[in-house]
Amino acid sequence: MDYLKELLARADLGSWESWSTQYRVLAVIVGLLAAYVVVRLVVPTVLRLLRPALFLVAVLIAVRLLYPAQVCSVELVANLPYLCAR
């Protein structure tokens, strides 16, 4: 733990302007790697959770394209001006 404190003291991490170029580059690289790992972990989980909703949206779009008059006859959908504009 003392070693880490010594490294932090040497780095002088007070503000971004006080950082040396090497620490700034290192911080950006570490941040990009962390963001990459988070995206790789989160996106498949979110897509897995949203898969039923995405499937439902795809089915509704297909039904709307095939049967526009019947879809607009549904009272709830008829109130949506974008879908049933005449």
Protein backbone atom coordinates (compact mmCIF):
# COMPACT_ATOMS: atom_id res chain seq x y z
CA MET A 1 0.00 0.00 0.00
CA ASP A 2 2.86 2.37 0.73
CA TYR A 3 4.22 1.67 -2.73
CA LEU A 4 0.94 2.81 -4.35
CA LYS A 5 0.88 5.94 -2.20
CA GLU A 6 4.43 6.71 -3.28
CA LEU A 7 3.49 6.24 -6.95
CA LEU A 8 0.51 8.55 -6.56
CA ALA A 9 2.67 11.15 -4.82
CA ARG A 10 5.25 11.00 -7.62
CA ALA A 11 2.56 11.23 -10.29
CA ASP A 12 1.21 14.51 -8.85
CA LEU A 13 -2.37 13.72 -9.90
CA GLY A 14 -3.79 16.99 -8.62
CA SER A 15 -5.41 18.17 -11.85
CA TRP A 16 -5.36 17.18 -15.51
CA GLU A 17 -3.14 20.16 -16.38
CA SER A 18 -0.53 19.05 -13.86
CA TRP A 19 -0.25 15.59 -15.41
CA SER A 20 2.71 14.87 -17.63
CA THR A 21 2.12 13.78 -21.21
CA GLN A 22 2.99 10.18 -20.41
CA TYR A 23 0.35 9.99 -17.66
CA ARG A 24 -2.24 11.62 -19.87
CA VAL A 25 -1.62 9.11 -22.66
CA LEU A 26 -1.67 6.26 -20.16
CA ALA A 27 -4.94 7.52 -18.65
CA VAL A 28 -6.57 7.77 -22.07
CA ILE A 29 -5.41 4.27 -23.05
CA VAL A 30 -6.61 2.77 -19.76
CA GLY A 31 -9.94 4.60 -20.12
CA LEU A 32 -10.42 3.31 -23.66
CA LEU A 33 -9.58 -0.24 -22.61
CA ALA A 34 -12.01 -0.03 -19.69
CA ALA A 35 -14.74 1.31 -21.99
CA TYR A 36 -14.06 -1.50 -24.49
CA VAL A 37 -14.35 -4.16 -21.78
CA VAL A 38 -17.56 -2.63 -20.42
CA VAL A 39 -19.11 -2.45 -23.88
CA ARG A 40 -18.12 -6.05 -24.61
CA LEU A 41 -19.78 -7.17 -21.37
CA VAL A 42 -22.88 -4.97 -21.39
CA VAL A 43 -24.06 -5.00 -25.02
CA PRO A 44 -24.72 -8.77 -25.28
CA THR A 45 -26.61 -8.70 -21.98
CA VAL A 46 -28.75 -5.74 -23.03
CA LEU A 47 -29.49 -7.33 -26.39
CA ARG A 48 -30.43 -10.58 -24.68
CA LEU A 49 -32.84 -8.69 -22.41
CA LEU A 50 -34.30 -6.65 -25.26
CA ARG A 51 -34.60 -9.54 -27.72
CA PRO A 52 -38.36 -10.10 -27.07
CA ALA A 53 -39.11 -6.40 -27.50
CA LEU A 54 -37.03 -6.18 -30.68
CA PHE A 55 -38.82 -9.24 -32.04
CA LEU A 56 -42.20 -7.68 -31.24
CA VAL A 57 -41.23 -4.42 -32.96
CA ALA A 58 -40.08 -6.33 -36.05
CA VAL A 59 -43.36 -8.26 -36.18
CA LEU A 60 -45.42 -5.08 -35.77
CA ILE A 61 -43.47 -3.35 -38.55
CA ALA A 62 -43.99 -6.35 -40.85
CA VAL A 63 -47.73 -6.45 -40.10
CA ARG A 64 -47.97 -2.68 -40.67
CA LEU A 65 -46.23 -3.01 -44.05
CA LEU A 66 -48.42 -5.92 -45.16
CA TYR A 67 -51.78 -4.75 -43.80
CA PRO A 68 -51.78 -0.96 -43.28
CA ALA A 69 -55.55 -0.50 -43.33
CA GLN A 70 -56.21 -3.27 -40.82
CA VAL A 71 -53.52 -2.01 -38.46
CA CYS A 72 -54.92 1.51 -38.55
CA SER A 73 -58.37 0.16 -37.73
CA VAL A 74 -57.11 -0.76 -34.26
CA GLU A 75 -58.16 2.11 -32.00
CA LEU A 76 -54.90 2.33 -30.04
CA VAL A 77 -52.75 2.37 -33.18
CA ALA A 78 -55.06 4.75 -35.03
CA ASN A 79 -54.23 7.47 -32.48
CA LEU A 80 -50.57 7.40 -33.50
CA PRO A 81 -50.29 10.03 -36.23
CA TYR A 82 -46.99 8.74 -37.63
CA LEU A 83 -48.30 5.25 -38.30
CA CYS A 84 -51.73 6.09 -39.63
CA ALA A 85 -51.27 9.41 -41.41
CA ARG A 86 -53.66 9.70 -44.32
